[in-house]
Amino acid sequence: MSDFFKNVKETITETGKTVGEKTKQVGNAAKLNAKIIASEHSISDNYTILGKYYYDTYKDNPDESVAENVNSITASMETIKEMKGQLLAIKGLVKCAECGADCPFEDNFCGKCGAKLEKPEPPAAEPEEDISDEELLGFEEKEGESKEDSELF
């Protein structure tokens, strides 16, 4: 009978060692995956910094191979600026040109820095248009491209 218990003890010991080794392998794999993800994020962040640097430096004279991308970024930035102005108008606010604070439209001076507020001309009365979710999210169809194609990107 003691042989039986000895065999059970050895089996349990071997199984414990195997489980311990597997646990260590899983832990090491998880650590490596975390390091890979951190490195990928670092690469992505650096691509973004590099792209912004290129855009800021060469936006007025981009290389022909990326001119379309640069022009697209410029157009998007202008659209965002216009939409932010519309959003401020809807909220009854104006942005201070000196400090960037949002101030009530009826104020003549910024409540934060005291600068005189430049108020935009009220827009001509245009019929209000609803903005579709696709347009809001940038998924509007481009000429010659189906909606399914535009959703791929």
C-alpha atoms as a PDB file:
ATOM      1  CA  MET A   1       0.000   0.000   0.000  1.00  0.00           C
ATOM      2  CA  SER A   2       2.859   2.361   0.662  1.00  0.00           C
ATOM      3  CA  ASP A   3       3.900   1.957  -2.995  1.00  0.00           C
ATOM      4  CA  PHE A   4       0.461   3.183  -4.004  1.00  0.00           C
ATOM      5  CA  PHE A   5       0.781   6.337  -1.880  1.00  0.00           C
ATOM      6  CA  LYS A   6       4.329   6.842  -3.077  1.00  0.00           C
ATOM      7  CA  ASN A   7       3.122   6.698  -6.718  1.00  0.00           C
ATOM      8  CA  VAL A   8       0.261   9.106  -5.947  1.00  0.00           C
ATOM      9  CA  LYS A   9       2.709  11.479  -4.264  1.00  0.00           C
ATOM     10  CA  GLU A  10       5.086  11.352  -7.253  1.00  0.00           C
ATOM     11  CA  THR A  11       2.209  11.907  -9.695  1.00  0.00           C
ATOM     12  CA  ILE A  12       0.954  14.896  -7.723  1.00  0.00           C
ATOM     13  CA  THR A  13       4.481  16.309  -7.487  1.00  0.00           C
ATOM     14  CA  GLU A  14       5.060  15.886 -11.240  1.00  0.00           C
ATOM     15  CA  THR A  15       1.670  17.414 -12.041  1.00  0.00           C
ATOM     16  CA  GLY A  16       2.404  20.355  -9.734  1.00  0.00           C
ATOM     17  CA  LYS A  17       5.736  20.973 -11.470  1.00  0.00           C
ATOM     18  CA  THR A  18       4.071  20.807 -14.895  1.00  0.00           C
ATOM     19  CA  VAL A  19       1.321  23.217 -13.840  1.00  0.00           C
ATOM     20  CA  GLY A  20       3.939  25.555 -12.353  1.00  0.00           C
ATOM     21  CA  GLU A  21       5.950  25.539 -15.579  1.00  0.00           C
ATOM     22  CA  LYS A  22       2.842  26.155 -17.696  1.00  0.00           C
ATOM     23  CA  THR A  23       1.788  29.013 -15.400  1.00  0.00           C
ATOM     24  CA  LYS A  24       5.249  30.558 -15.732  1.00  0.00           C
ATOM     25  CA  GLN A  25       5.066  30.231 -19.552  1.00  0.00           C
ATOM     26  CA  VAL A  26       1.640  31.886 -19.652  1.00  0.00           C
ATOM     27  CA  GLY A  27       2.909  34.717 -17.437  1.00  0.00           C
ATOM     28  CA  ASN A  28       5.969  35.234 -19.632  1.00  0.00           C
ATOM     29  CA  ALA A  29       3.795  35.214 -22.767  1.00  0.00           C
ATOM     30  CA  ALA A  30       1.495  37.818 -21.225  1.00  0.00           C
ATOM     31  CA  LYS A  31       4.472  40.023 -20.331  1.00  0.00           C
ATOM     32  CA  LEU A  32       5.849  39.743 -23.862  1.00  0.00           C
ATOM     33  CA  ASN A  33       2.430  40.561 -25.354  1.00  0.00           C
ATOM     34  CA  ALA A  34       2.214  43.650 -23.125  1.00  0.00           C
ATOM     35  CA  LYS A  35       5.687  44.765 -24.260  1.00  0.00           C
ATOM     36  CA  ILE A  36       4.739  44.206 -27.916  1.00  0.00           C
ATOM     37  CA  ILE A  37       1.573  46.270 -27.513  1.00  0.00           C
ATOM     38  CA  ALA A  38       3.503  49.058 -25.771  1.00  0.00           C
ATOM     39  CA  SER A  39       6.065  49.080 -28.596  1.00  0.00           C
ATOM     40  CA  GLU A  40       3.308  49.166 -31.234  1.00  0.00           C
ATOM     41  CA  HIS A  41       1.692  52.123 -29.442  1.00  0.00           C
ATOM     42  CA  SER A  42       5.060  53.869 -29.367  1.00  0.00           C
ATOM     43  CA  ILE A  43       5.478  53.335 -33.113  1.00  0.00           C
ATOM     44  CA  SER A  44       1.963  54.642 -33.763  1.00  0.00           C
ATOM     45  CA  ASP A  45       2.568  57.700 -31.577  1.00  0.00           C
ATOM     46  CA  ASN A  46       5.842  58.407 -33.395  1.00  0.00           C
ATOM     47  CA  TYR A  47       4.157  58.025 -36.790  1.00  0.00           C
ATOM     48  CA  THR A  48       1.600  60.580 -35.655  1.00  0.00           C
ATOM     49  CA  ILE A  49       4.288  62.996 -34.458  1.00  0.00           C
ATOM     50  CA  LEU A  50       6.259  62.518 -37.673  1.00  0.00           C
ATOM     51  CA  GLY A  51       3.151  63.023 -39.811  1.00  0.00           C
ATOM     52  CA  LYS A  52       2.175  66.171 -37.921  1.00  0.00           C
ATOM     53  CA  TYR A  53       5.726  67.499 -38.270  1.00  0.00           C
ATOM     54  CA  TYR A  54       5.672  66.820 -42.017  1.00  0.00           C
ATOM     55  CA  TYR A  55       2.253  68.424 -42.374  1.00  0.00           C
ATOM     56  CA  ASP A  56       3.235  71.522 -40.378  1.00  0.00           C
ATOM     57  CA  THR A  57       6.538  71.867 -42.250  1.00  0.00           C
ATOM     58  CA  TYR A  58       5.443  71.106 -45.809  1.00  0.00           C
ATOM     59  CA  LYS A  59       1.689  71.833 -45.911  1.00  0.00           C
ATOM     60  CA  ASP A  60       2.244  74.750 -48.295  1.00  0.00           C
ATOM     61  CA  ASN A  61       4.485  72.745 -50.643  1.00  0.00           C
ATOM     62  CA  PRO A  62       3.971  68.992 -50.073  1.00  0.00           C
ATOM     63  CA  ASP A  63       5.662  66.271 -52.046  1.00  0.00           C
ATOM     64  CA  GLU A  64       3.509  65.241 -55.006  1.00  0.00           C
ATOM     65  CA  SER A  65       3.072  61.709 -53.633  1.00  0.00           C
ATOM     66  CA  VAL A  66       1.330  62.947 -50.464  1.00  0.00           C
ATOM     67  CA  ALA A  67      -0.245  66.191 -51.700  1.00  0.00           C
ATOM     68  CA  GLU A  68      -3.725  64.642 -51.758  1.00  0.00           C
ATOM     69  CA  ASN A  69      -3.384  63.590 -48.102  1.00  0.00           C
ATOM     70  CA  VAL A  70      -2.051  66.997 -47.050  1.00  0.00           C
ATOM     71  CA  ASN A  71      -4.870  68.776 -48.878  1.00  0.00           C
ATOM     72  CA  SER A  72      -7.416  66.439 -47.306  1.00  0.00           C
ATOM     73  CA  ILE A  73      -6.078  67.223 -43.824  1.00  0.00           C
ATOM     74  CA  THR A  74      -6.183  70.968 -44.558  1.00  0.00           C
ATOM     75  CA  ALA A  75      -9.756  70.744 -45.833  1.00  0.00           C
ATOM     76  CA  SER A  76     -10.819  68.707 -42.787  1.00  0.00           C
ATOM     77  CA  MET A  77      -9.202  71.222 -40.426  1.00  0.00           C
ATOM     78  CA  GLU A  78     -11.053  74.088 -42.119  1.00  0.00           C
ATOM     79  CA  THR A  79     -14.343  72.180 -41.929  1.00  0.00           C
ATOM     80  CA  ILE A  80     -13.783  71.440 -38.231  1.00  0.00           C
ATOM     81  CA  LYS A  81     -13.031  75.125 -37.578  1.00  0.00           C
ATOM     82  CA  GLU A  82     -16.268  76.140 -39.308  1.00  0.00           C
ATOM     83  CA  MET A  83     -18.292  73.531 -37.407  1.00  0.00           C
ATOM     84  CA  LYS A  84     -16.778  74.621 -34.082  1.00  0.00           C
ATOM     85  CA  GLY A  85     -17.777  78.208 -34.919  1.00  0.00           C
ATOM     86  CA  GLN A  86     -21.311  77.015 -35.673  1.00  0.00           C
ATOM     87  CA  LEU A  87     -21.365  75.054 -32.426  1.00  0.00           C
ATOM     88  CA  LEU A  88     -20.283  78.123 -30.453  1.00  0.00           C
ATOM     89  CA  ALA A  89     -23.005  80.175 -32.188  1.00  0.00           C
ATOM     90  CA  ILE A  90     -25.621  77.563 -31.281  1.00  0.00           C
ATOM     91  CA  LYS A  91     -24.448  77.786 -27.666  1.00  0.00           C
ATOM     92  CA  GLY A  92     -24.478  81.601 -27.797  1.00  0.00           C
ATOM     93  CA  LEU A  93     -20.718  81.855 -27.301  1.00  0.00           C
ATOM     94  CA  VAL A  94     -17.767  83.506 -29.025  1.00  0.00           C
ATOM     95  CA  LYS A  95     -14.094  82.443 -28.694  1.00  0.00           C
ATOM     96  CA  CYS A  96     -11.620  85.031 -27.400  1.00  0.00           C
ATOM     97  CA  ALA A  97      -8.869  85.572 -29.994  1.00  0.00           C
ATOM     98  CA  GLU A  98      -6.320  86.300 -27.234  1.00  0.00           C
ATOM     99  CA  CYS A  99      -6.737  83.493 -24.716  1.00  0.00           C
ATOM    100  CA  GLY A 100      -9.168  81.085 -26.396  1.00  0.00           C
ATOM    101  CA  ALA A 101     -11.819  81.301 -23.681  1.00  0.00           C
ATOM    102  CA  ASP A 102     -15.465  80.764 -24.624  1.00  0.00           C
ATOM    103  CA  CYS A 103     -17.388  83.933 -23.755  1.00  0.00           C
ATOM    104  CA  PRO A 104     -21.091  84.785 -23.933  1.00  0.00           C
ATOM    105  CA  PHE A 105     -21.904  86.425 -27.276  1.00  0.00           C
ATOM    106  CA  GLU A 106     -23.438  89.462 -25.582  1.00  0.00           C
ATOM    107  CA  ASP A 107     -20.163  90.297 -23.767  1.00  0.00           C
ATOM    108  CA  ASN A 108     -17.881  92.877 -25.380  1.00  0.00           C
ATOM    109  CA  PHE A 109     -14.762  91.873 -23.440  1.00  0.00           C
ATOM    110  CA  CYS A 110     -13.330  88.495 -22.419  1.00  0.00           C
ATOM    111  CA  GLY A 111     -14.116  87.595 -18.820  1.00  0.00           C
ATOM    112  CA  LYS A 112     -10.808  85.730 -18.517  1.00  0.00           C
ATOM    113  CA  CYS A 113      -8.212  88.080 -20.030  1.00  0.00           C
ATOM    114  CA  GLY A 114     -10.151  91.303 -20.673  1.00  0.00           C
ATOM    115  CA  ALA A 115      -9.421  91.442 -24.416  1.00  0.00           C
ATOM    116  CA  LYS A 116     -12.017  92.980 -26.729  1.00  0.00           C
ATOM    117  CA  LEU A 117     -14.088  90.216 -28.297  1.00  0.00           C
ATOM    118  CA  GLU A 118     -14.256  90.012 -32.066  1.00  0.00           C
ATOM    119  CA  LYS A 119     -17.752  88.932 -32.979  1.00  0.00           C
ATOM    120  CA  PRO A 120     -18.364  87.219 -36.286  1.00  0.00           C
ATOM    121  CA  GLU A 121     -20.986  88.541 -38.649  1.00  0.00           C
ATOM    122  CA  PRO A 122     -24.211  86.629 -38.197  1.00  0.00           C
ATOM    123  CA  PRO A 123     -24.561  84.132 -41.025  1.00  0.00           C
ATOM    124  CA  ALA A 124     -27.119  84.773 -43.728  1.00  0.00           C
ATOM    125  CA  ALA A 125     -30.352  82.975 -43.032  1.00  0.00           C
ATOM    126  CA  GLU A 126     -29.915  79.586 -44.615  1.00  0.00           C
ATOM    127  CA  PRO A 127     -32.351  76.733 -44.378  1.00  0.00           C
ATOM    128  CA  GLU A 128     -31.208  74.378 -41.650  1.00  0.00           C
ATOM    129  CA  GLU A 129     -29.973  71.066 -42.928  1.00  0.00           C
ATOM    130  CA  ASP A 130     -29.806  67.894 -40.963  1.00  0.00           C
ATOM    131  CA  ILE A 131     -26.402  66.260 -40.924  1.00  0.00           C
ATOM    132  CA  SER A 132     -26.537  62.521 -41.475  1.00  0.00           C
ATOM    133  CA  ASP A 133     -24.641  60.207 -39.176  1.00  0.00           C
ATOM    134  CA  GLU A 134     -22.513  59.102 -42.146  1.00  0.00           C
ATOM    135  CA  GLU A 135     -21.494  62.699 -42.894  1.00  0.00           C
ATOM    136  CA  LEU A 136     -20.827  63.341 -39.221  1.00  0.00           C
ATOM    137  CA  LEU A 137     -18.554  60.329 -39.012  1.00  0.00           C
ATOM    138  CA  GLY A 138     -16.892  60.978 -42.385  1.00  0.00           C
ATOM    139  CA  PHE A 139     -18.481  58.054 -44.237  1.00  0.00           C
ATOM    140  CA  GLU A 140     -20.211  60.011 -46.988  1.00  0.00           C
ATOM    141  CA  GLU A 141     -19.978  58.390 -50.394  1.00  0.00           C
ATOM    142  CA  LYS A 142     -17.304  59.741 -52.686  1.00  0.00           C
ATOM    143  CA  GLU A 143     -17.910  60.112 -56.400  1.00  0.00           C
ATOM    144  CA  GLY A 144     -17.564  56.741 -58.109  1.00  0.00           C
ATOM    145  CA  GLU A 145     -17.478  54.891 -54.799  1.00  0.00           C
ATOM    146  CA  SER A 146     -20.291  52.903 -53.265  1.00  0.00           C
ATOM    147  CA  LYS A 147     -21.211  53.190 -49.604  1.00  0.00           C
ATOM    148  CA  GLU A 148     -19.826  49.713 -49.024  1.00  0.00           C
ATOM    149  CA  ASP A 149     -16.450  50.761 -50.480  1.00  0.00           C
ATOM    150  CA  SER A 150     -16.259  53.868 -48.294  1.00  0.00           C
ATOM    151  CA  GLU A 151     -16.977  51.815 -45.171  1.00  0.00           C
ATOM    152  CA  LEU A 152     -13.848  49.753 -45.780  1.00  0.00           C
ATOM    153  CA  PHE A 153     -11.648  52.702 -44.911  1.00  0.00           C
END
